[in-house]
Protein backbone atom coordinates (compact mmCIF):
# COMPACT_ATOMS: atom_id res chain seq x y z
CA MET A 1 -9.36 -19.66 33.52
CA SER A 2 -10.99 -19.77 30.08
CA THR A 3 -13.76 -22.19 29.21
CA SER A 4 -12.51 -22.14 25.62
CA PRO A 5 -11.18 -25.42 24.24
CA SER A 6 -7.46 -25.50 23.68
CA PRO A 7 -6.53 -24.62 21.02
CA PRO A 8 -9.12 -21.87 20.39
CA ALA A 9 -11.70 -21.98 17.65
CA VAL A 10 -11.44 -19.24 15.01
CA LEU A 11 -14.18 -17.31 13.21
CA MET A 12 -13.06 -15.37 10.14
CA ILE A 13 -15.51 -12.54 9.45
CA GLY A 14 -15.26 -11.21 5.91
CA THR A 15 -14.74 -13.24 2.73
CA GLY A 16 -12.92 -10.78 0.46
CA GLU A 17 -9.50 -10.47 -1.10
CA TYR A 18 -7.33 -10.52 2.03
CA THR A 19 -9.23 -13.41 3.58
CA THR A 20 -9.73 -15.69 0.57
CA GLY A 21 -8.22 -14.03 -2.52
CA TYR A 22 -11.65 -14.36 -4.17
CA VAL A 23 -12.94 -11.21 -5.92
CA HIS A 24 -15.97 -10.87 -8.20
CA GLY A 25 -16.13 -14.60 -8.82
CA LEU A 26 -12.44 -15.01 -9.67
CA ALA A 27 -9.02 -15.23 -8.08
CA SER A 28 -7.76 -11.71 -7.33
CA ASP A 29 -5.31 -10.31 -9.90
CA SER A 30 -3.33 -8.68 -7.06
CA ASP A 31 -0.42 -10.24 -5.19
CA LYS A 32 -2.88 -12.08 -2.91
CA SER A 33 -4.76 -14.48 -5.20
CA ALA A 34 -4.65 -17.21 -2.53
CA GLY A 35 -5.62 -14.79 0.24
CA VAL A 36 -3.81 -14.45 3.54
CA VAL A 37 -6.22 -14.96 6.46
CA ALA A 38 -7.81 -18.29 5.47
CA LEU A 39 -4.51 -19.74 4.25
CA SER A 40 -2.89 -18.80 7.57
CA MET A 41 -5.74 -20.29 9.64
CA PHE A 42 -5.69 -23.56 7.69
CA ASP A 43 -1.93 -23.75 8.27
CA PHE A 44 -2.36 -23.03 12.01
CA ARG A 45 -4.98 -25.77 12.22
CA SER A 46 -2.62 -28.23 10.56
CA ARG A 47 -0.01 -27.34 13.19
CA GLY A 48 -2.41 -27.60 16.14
CA LYS A 49 -2.45 -23.89 16.99
CA VAL A 50 -6.19 -23.47 16.34
CA GLY A 51 -9.08 -25.91 16.30
CA ARG A 52 -12.40 -25.36 14.61
CA VAL A 53 -12.34 -22.83 11.74
CA GLY A 54 -15.37 -20.93 10.44
CA MET A 55 -15.97 -18.17 7.91
CA CYS A 56 -18.76 -15.60 7.90
CA GLY A 57 -19.80 -13.21 5.15
CA VAL A 58 -22.93 -11.39 4.05
CA ASN A 59 -23.84 -13.18 0.81
CA GLY A 60 -23.98 -16.95 1.29
CA LYS A 61 -24.48 -17.43 -2.44
CA LYS A 62 -20.75 -16.74 -2.87
CA PHE A 63 -19.66 -19.71 -0.78
CA PRO A 64 -19.79 -22.44 -3.43
CA GLY A 65 -17.42 -20.34 -5.54
CA ILE A 66 -15.23 -19.51 -2.53
CA ARG A 67 -14.91 -23.19 -1.58
CA GLU A 68 -13.90 -24.13 -5.11
CA HIS A 69 -11.47 -21.22 -5.23
CA MET A 70 -9.82 -22.21 -1.93
CA LYS A 71 -9.55 -25.82 -3.06
CA ARG A 72 -7.87 -24.74 -6.29
CA GLN A 73 -5.60 -22.08 -4.79
CA ILE A 74 -4.78 -23.77 -1.47
CA GLY A 75 -5.90 -27.40 -1.18
CA ASP A 76 -4.57 -28.44 -4.59
CA VAL A 77 -1.33 -26.49 -4.15
CA TYR A 78 -0.18 -27.33 -0.62
CA GLN A 79 0.01 -30.88 0.70
CA GLY A 80 -1.76 -31.46 4.01
CA LEU A 81 -3.79 -28.24 4.08
CA ASP A 82 -7.49 -28.96 4.52
CA THR A 83 -9.67 -26.04 3.38
CA ALA A 84 -12.90 -27.31 4.97
CA CYS A 85 -14.62 -24.80 7.26
CA GLU A 86 -18.09 -23.93 8.49
CA THR A 87 -19.72 -20.98 6.73
CA TRP A 88 -22.40 -18.39 7.52
CA PRO A 89 -24.96 -17.49 6.22
CA ALA A 90 -26.42 -20.48 4.38
CA ASP A 91 -25.54 -20.83 0.70
CA ASP A 92 -28.99 -19.55 -0.33
CA ALA A 93 -29.13 -16.61 2.11
CA VAL A 94 -28.03 -12.99 2.27
CA ASP A 95 -27.69 -11.66 5.80
CA PRO A 96 -25.64 -8.59 6.81
CA LYS A 97 -26.03 -9.65 10.46
CA ALA A 98 -24.83 -13.23 9.96
CA TYR A 99 -21.91 -12.50 12.27
CA VAL A 100 -24.35 -12.37 15.20
CA SER A 101 -25.56 -15.95 14.76
CA ALA A 102 -22.11 -17.18 13.72
CA SER A 103 -20.35 -15.76 16.79
CA ALA A 104 -23.10 -17.20 19.01
CA THR A 105 -21.71 -20.67 18.21
CA TYR A 106 -18.31 -19.73 19.65
CA GLY A 107 -17.24 -19.57 23.28
CA ARG A 108 -15.25 -17.42 25.65
CA GLY A 109 -11.59 -17.45 24.71
CA ASP A 110 -12.22 -18.22 21.06
CA VAL A 111 -10.92 -15.88 18.34
CA ALA A 112 -12.54 -13.61 15.75
CA ILE A 113 -10.55 -12.23 12.79
CA VAL A 114 -12.40 -9.30 11.19
CA PHE A 115 -11.67 -8.21 7.60
CA THR A 116 -14.77 -6.32 6.46
CA PRO A 117 -15.55 -2.77 5.22
CA ASP A 118 -14.28 -0.15 7.65
CA ASP A 119 -17.68 1.13 8.79
CA THR A 120 -18.67 -2.36 10.02
CA HIS A 121 -15.63 -2.98 12.24
CA PHE A 122 -17.02 -1.46 15.43
CA ASP A 123 -20.34 -3.32 15.50
CA ILE A 124 -18.77 -6.67 14.60
CA ALA A 125 -15.89 -6.34 17.06
CA MET A 126 -18.21 -5.29 19.89
CA GLU A 127 -20.51 -8.26 19.24
CA CYS A 128 -17.59 -10.67 19.50
CA VAL A 129 -16.00 -8.94 22.50
CA LYS A 130 -19.28 -9.11 24.45
CA LYS A 131 -19.29 -12.85 23.82
CA GLY A 132 -15.85 -13.14 25.39
CA MET A 133 -13.93 -13.65 22.17
CA HIS A 134 -10.46 -12.27 21.49
CA VAL A 135 -10.61 -10.08 18.38
CA MET A 136 -8.16 -8.99 15.70
CA VAL A 137 -9.44 -6.33 13.31
CA THR A 138 -7.84 -5.14 10.10
CA LYS A 139 -6.74 -1.51 10.06
CA PRO A 140 -8.34 0.86 10.74
CA ILE A 141 -9.68 -0.86 13.83
CA VAL A 142 -12.59 1.65 13.88
CA LYS A 143 -13.21 5.00 12.21
CA THR A 144 -13.70 7.32 15.20
CA LEU A 145 -11.95 8.05 18.47
CA GLU A 146 -15.26 7.65 20.30
CA ASP A 147 -15.71 4.11 18.98
CA HIS A 148 -12.07 3.27 19.70
CA LYS A 149 -12.43 4.24 23.35
CA ALA A 150 -15.70 2.30 23.64
CA LEU A 151 -14.12 -0.82 22.17
CA ALA A 152 -11.14 -0.53 24.51
CA ALA A 153 -13.47 -0.24 27.49
CA ALA A 154 -15.46 -3.28 26.37
CA ALA A 155 -12.28 -5.32 25.90
CA LYS A 156 -11.20 -4.46 29.46
CA ALA A 157 -14.63 -5.25 30.90
CA ASN A 158 -14.67 -8.66 29.21
CA ASN A 159 -10.98 -9.39 29.87
CA VAL A 160 -10.21 -10.15 26.21
CA LEU A 161 -7.42 -9.16 23.85
CA VAL A 162 -8.32 -6.81 20.99
CA CYS A 163 -5.68 -5.89 18.42
CA VAL A 164 -5.25 -4.23 15.04
CA GLU A 165 -3.76 -6.30 12.21
CA VAL A 166 -0.88 -4.09 11.05
CA HIS A 167 1.66 -6.51 9.59
CA LYS A 168 4.18 -3.79 8.75
CA ARG A 169 5.29 -4.03 12.38
CA LEU A 170 6.53 -7.54 11.55
CA ASP A 171 8.38 -6.49 8.39
CA PRO A 172 12.05 -6.88 9.40
CA PHE A 173 12.98 -3.63 7.62
CA TYR A 174 10.29 -1.62 9.41
CA ALA A 175 10.93 -3.33 12.76
CA ASP A 176 14.63 -2.55 12.54
CA ALA A 177 13.90 1.02 11.41
CA ARG A 178 11.71 1.50 14.46
CA ASP A 179 14.42 0.26 16.82
CA ARG A 180 17.06 2.42 15.12
CA ALA A 181 14.81 5.50 15.17
CA ILE A 182 14.23 5.53 18.91
CA PRO A 183 17.79 6.49 19.98
CA LEU A 184 18.10 9.01 17.12
CA GLY A 185 15.99 11.57 18.95
CA PRO A 186 12.84 13.56 18.23
CA LEU A 187 11.03 13.74 14.92
CA GLN A 188 11.99 16.51 12.54
CA TYR A 189 10.31 15.37 9.31
CA MET A 190 8.74 12.26 7.82
CA ALA A 191 7.26 11.61 4.37
CA SER A 192 5.53 8.36 3.41
CA TYR A 193 3.88 7.12 0.24
CA MET A 194 1.75 4.04 -0.34
CA SER A 195 -0.25 3.17 -3.44
CA GLN A 196 -2.17 0.49 -5.27
CA PRO A 197 -2.92 0.28 -9.01
CA LYS A 198 -6.11 1.85 -10.28
CA HIS A 199 -7.66 -1.50 -11.26
CA GLN A 200 -8.06 -2.09 -7.51
CA LEU A 201 -10.87 0.46 -7.63
CA GLU A 202 -12.92 -2.29 -9.26
CA THR A 203 -12.05 -4.65 -6.40
CA PHE A 204 -13.17 -2.11 -3.81
CA LYS A 205 -15.98 -0.36 -5.68
CA ALA A 206 -18.63 -1.78 -3.32
CA TRP A 207 -17.28 0.36 -0.47
CA ALA A 208 -14.80 2.88 -1.91
CA GLY A 209 -16.01 6.38 -1.07
CA LYS A 210 -19.02 4.97 0.80
CA SER A 211 -17.83 3.23 3.94
CA SER A 212 -14.24 4.48 3.81
CA ASP A 213 -11.50 6.13 1.75
CA ILE A 214 -7.92 5.56 0.64
CA SER A 215 -6.46 7.31 3.69
CA TYR A 216 -8.12 4.92 6.12
CA TYR A 217 -7.14 2.03 3.85
CA LEU A 218 -3.47 2.81 3.11
CA ASN A 219 -2.25 5.83 5.12
CA SER A 220 -3.17 3.79 8.19
CA HIS A 221 0.00 1.70 7.67
CA HIS A 222 2.50 4.53 8.08
CA VAL A 223 0.36 6.37 10.62
CA ASP A 224 0.50 3.24 12.77
CA PHE A 225 4.24 2.94 12.20
CA SER A 226 4.68 6.51 13.46
CA GLU A 227 2.57 5.82 16.54
CA TRP A 228 4.65 2.71 17.23
CA VAL A 229 7.94 4.60 16.85
CA PHE A 230 6.90 7.64 18.90
CA HIS A 231 4.84 5.88 21.58
CA GLY A 232 5.46 7.73 24.84
CA ARG A 233 7.77 10.20 23.07
CA ALA A 234 5.43 12.38 20.97
CA ARG A 235 1.78 13.05 20.23
CA PRO A 236 -0.11 14.40 17.20
CA VAL A 237 -1.46 17.91 17.81
CA ARG A 238 -2.64 19.08 14.37
CA VAL A 239 -3.90 17.30 11.24
CA THR A 240 -4.78 18.78 7.85
CA ALA A 241 -5.73 16.87 4.72
CA ALA A 242 -5.83 17.47 0.98
CA ALA A 243 -7.10 15.27 -1.83
CA SER A 244 -6.72 14.68 -5.56
CA THR A 245 -9.73 13.66 -7.64
CA GLY A 246 -10.75 12.73 -11.17
CA VAL A 247 -9.66 9.17 -12.01
CA ALA A 248 -12.11 7.34 -9.73
CA ALA A 249 -14.90 9.73 -10.69
CA ALA A 250 -14.33 8.96 -14.36
CA ARG A 251 -14.99 5.31 -13.48
CA GLY A 252 -18.25 6.18 -11.75
CA ILE A 253 -16.83 5.89 -8.22
CA ASP A 254 -17.39 8.94 -6.03
CA THR A 255 -14.20 8.99 -4.00
CA GLU A 256 -10.82 10.69 -3.76
CA ASP A 257 -7.97 9.34 -5.89
CA SER A 258 -5.23 10.27 -3.44
CA ILE A 259 -5.24 11.74 0.06
CA THR A 260 -2.37 13.50 1.84
CA LEU A 261 -2.34 14.04 5.59
CA THR A 262 -0.01 16.61 7.13
CA VAL A 263 0.43 15.88 10.83
CA VAL A 264 2.26 18.03 13.36
CA TRP A 265 3.75 15.92 16.16
CA GLU A 266 4.71 17.45 19.50
CA ASN A 267 7.94 15.88 20.77
CA PHE A 268 8.12 15.27 24.53
CA THR A 269 11.51 16.96 24.75
CA SER A 270 12.51 19.67 27.20
CA PRO A 271 11.57 22.18 26.02
CA ARG A 272 8.95 20.57 23.80
CA THR A 273 9.52 20.75 20.07
CA LEU A 274 7.54 20.06 16.89
CA GLY A 275 8.03 17.66 14.00
CA THR A 276 6.04 17.28 10.77
CA ALA A 277 4.94 14.12 9.00
CA VAL A 278 3.32 13.93 5.55
CA TYR A 279 1.43 10.73 4.68
CA THR A 280 0.17 10.17 1.11
CA ALA A 281 -1.97 7.27 -0.12
CA SER A 282 -3.36 6.62 -3.60
CA TRP A 283 -5.31 3.93 -5.42
CA VAL A 284 -4.92 5.31 -8.94
CA ALA A 285 -1.29 4.34 -9.58
CA PRO A 286 -0.36 2.68 -12.88
CA LYS A 287 0.38 -1.02 -13.05
CA SER A 288 4.08 -1.51 -12.32
CA ASP A 289 6.62 -4.03 -11.07
CA VAL A 290 4.89 -4.21 -7.68
CA HIS A 291 1.27 -4.30 -6.56
CA SER A 292 1.85 -1.66 -3.90
CA GLN A 293 4.49 1.07 -3.74
CA GLN A 294 5.45 1.52 -0.09
CA ARG A 295 8.21 3.76 1.21
CA PHE A 296 9.09 6.40 3.76
CA PHE A 297 11.81 8.88 4.71
CA MET A 298 12.27 9.93 8.32
CA MET A 299 14.61 12.62 9.63
CA LEU A 300 15.24 12.66 13.37
CA GLY A 301 17.34 14.78 15.69
CA SER A 302 20.59 12.92 15.00
CA GLY A 303 19.96 10.76 11.94
CA GLU A 304 17.71 9.81 9.04
CA ILE A 305 16.16 6.61 7.74
CA ASN A 306 14.98 5.60 4.25
CA VAL A 307 12.95 2.44 3.62
CA ASP A 308 11.69 1.26 0.20
CA GLN A 309 9.49 -1.66 1.16
CA ALA A 310 8.55 -2.46 -2.43
CA HIS A 311 12.07 -3.15 -3.69
CA ARG A 312 14.18 -5.66 -1.78
CA GLY A 313 16.74 -6.39 -4.52
CA TYR A 314 14.79 -9.44 -5.70
CA SER A 315 13.13 -9.47 -9.12
CA VAL A 316 11.55 -12.17 -11.28
CA ALA A 317 10.69 -12.06 -15.00
CA THR A 318 8.54 -14.65 -16.79
CA ASP A 319 6.85 -14.96 -20.18
CA ALA A 320 3.47 -15.16 -18.45
CA GLY A 321 3.85 -12.45 -15.82
CA GLY A 322 6.49 -10.12 -17.18
CA TYR A 323 8.87 -8.30 -14.83
CA ALA A 324 8.11 -8.04 -11.12
CA SER A 325 9.84 -7.04 -7.91
CA SER A 326 9.03 -9.84 -5.49
CA ASN A 327 8.58 -9.70 -1.72
CA PRO A 328 8.36 -13.18 -0.18
CA LEU A 329 9.08 -11.54 3.17
CA PHE A 330 5.37 -10.56 3.19
CA MET A 331 3.93 -13.84 1.83
CA LYS A 332 5.84 -16.81 0.45
CA TYR A 333 3.21 -18.51 -1.68
CA THR A 334 5.62 -20.73 -3.62
CA PRO A 335 5.48 -24.21 -2.00
CA THR A 336 8.61 -26.02 -0.83
CA ASN A 337 8.55 -29.75 -1.59
CA GLY A 338 4.81 -29.44 -2.14
CA LYS A 339 4.07 -27.87 1.24
CA PHE A 340 3.19 -24.36 2.40
CA ALA A 341 6.44 -22.75 3.55
CA GLY A 342 5.35 -19.21 4.36
CA GLN A 343 5.31 -19.48 8.14
CA ALA A 344 8.18 -17.01 8.49
CA SER A 345 6.47 -14.41 6.28
CA TYR A 346 5.32 -11.36 8.21
CA GLY A 347 1.84 -11.62 6.69
CA VAL A 348 1.46 -14.96 8.51
CA ARG A 349 3.42 -14.04 11.64
CA SER A 350 1.10 -11.12 12.30
CA PHE A 351 -1.75 -13.58 12.85
CA GLU A 352 0.36 -16.26 14.53
CA ASN A 353 1.66 -13.83 17.17
CA PHE A 354 -1.93 -12.90 17.98
CA ILE A 355 -3.07 -16.53 18.15
CA ASP A 356 -0.13 -17.36 20.40
CA ALA A 357 -1.06 -14.46 22.69
CA CYS A 358 -4.67 -15.65 22.88
CA ASN A 359 -3.48 -19.15 23.80
CA SER A 360 -1.29 -17.71 26.56
CA ILE A 361 -4.20 -15.68 27.95
CA ASN A 362 -6.56 -18.66 27.82
CA LYS A 363 -4.04 -20.78 29.74
CA GLY A 364 -3.69 -18.10 32.40
CA ASP A 365 -0.04 -17.44 31.61
CA LYS A 366 -0.68 -13.88 30.44
CA ALA A 367 -3.28 -11.11 30.80
CA PRO A 368 -4.57 -8.97 27.91
CA GLY A 369 -2.90 -5.90 29.40
CA ASP A 370 0.50 -7.57 29.16
CA TYR A 371 0.39 -6.94 25.40
CA ASP A 372 0.18 -3.16 25.80
CA ASP A 373 4.01 -3.19 25.81
CA GLY A 374 4.28 -2.70 22.03
CA SER A 375 4.68 -6.40 21.24
CA LEU A 376 1.22 -6.31 19.62
CA ALA A 377 -0.83 -3.45 18.19
CA SER A 378 -3.39 -3.59 21.01
CA VAL A 379 -6.53 -1.47 21.14
CA ASN A 380 -5.00 0.47 24.05
CA THR A 381 -1.83 1.44 22.17
CA THR A 382 -3.31 2.48 18.81
CA VAL A 383 -5.58 5.34 19.87
CA GLN A 384 -3.47 8.08 18.25
CA GLY A 385 -3.69 6.39 14.85
CA THR A 386 -7.48 6.44 14.95
CA ALA A 387 -7.43 10.09 16.05
CA ILE A 388 -5.19 11.05 13.11
CA LEU A 389 -7.28 9.23 10.52
CA GLU A 390 -10.54 10.62 11.84
CA ALA A 391 -9.09 14.15 11.95
CA GLY A 392 -7.94 13.72 8.34
CA GLY A 393 -11.46 12.79 7.29
CA ARG A 394 -12.87 15.81 9.11
CA SER A 395 -10.31 18.07 7.48
CA LEU A 396 -11.38 16.91 4.01
């Protein structure tokens, strides 16, 4: 049985846009100005699902601004949500290894949520796993197949749950598409596209082209979806990549504008057959009615599926914000009767399902291996995605 208090304590590692909505001293101008991770954890705490909440970054000098931002964007907006949390490093310190001392104050069975630059995921996750913490890491979980296998082995040795945060699995359109795709037979062809507007290059300029690229950042969504759909039914056997350049370079950022991966999947049919998937990701799109274009087409042996995640038939136009296609299925930020009402949003449910699983493991009701059944994106069931993304990087 776990020595962790019930409910578990949570350490958020990373203080950027997805965690807090705070970017370059201001609220993000994306669709996540209130963040997702911290808002979700504060809501879970208010509902008794988690206990102590902490946040760890690199530059402690940002924390006064982050606290004020969270008060303004969360505490002042939603009744009953306390934004108080412990922070590392100290407000006058800069420490890239602050996660070591922060995680040392947590116990076995507690939870770490990691949203940091891609090349830091492995070291941070391993540190927390060795301390007996359950860990959820934003995609990509790591950048190489070697690191993925090492992290999976460490999770098994320490009897903890390690998962990738891939909320598209909780999107009702994608979840239904996955269930419909399975009986439609082997893959013939798939094409996916995902983008963000070019002003996001300023948000990510600290790491864009240095610690990662747009394929790891965005293609990872549809690569994971493919792995989820074809788990046990197909495997990737060949990956080639091509890139477009010019826009980021003109802004002084040495990185690709768009990256396309062409992946050949071997279907486990008799006899075995081949299918082709083309994944394209870009962060130089123009500003439009949505922050992120997201869509795919999939043709299978006896049917085809089209999903346009960005357009759900719901649009809003205001004098201040202009025209926008809204998606409260991802995050419902608008309060209901003064309270946060986004618990059913798949951006929140992705974390809540993980927290619930950790609670079940800590109580002895479940084992980490029980979640290798596809109910969560566990470290043991996401190996192919890492292999594809790493192969794409090598191809470039």
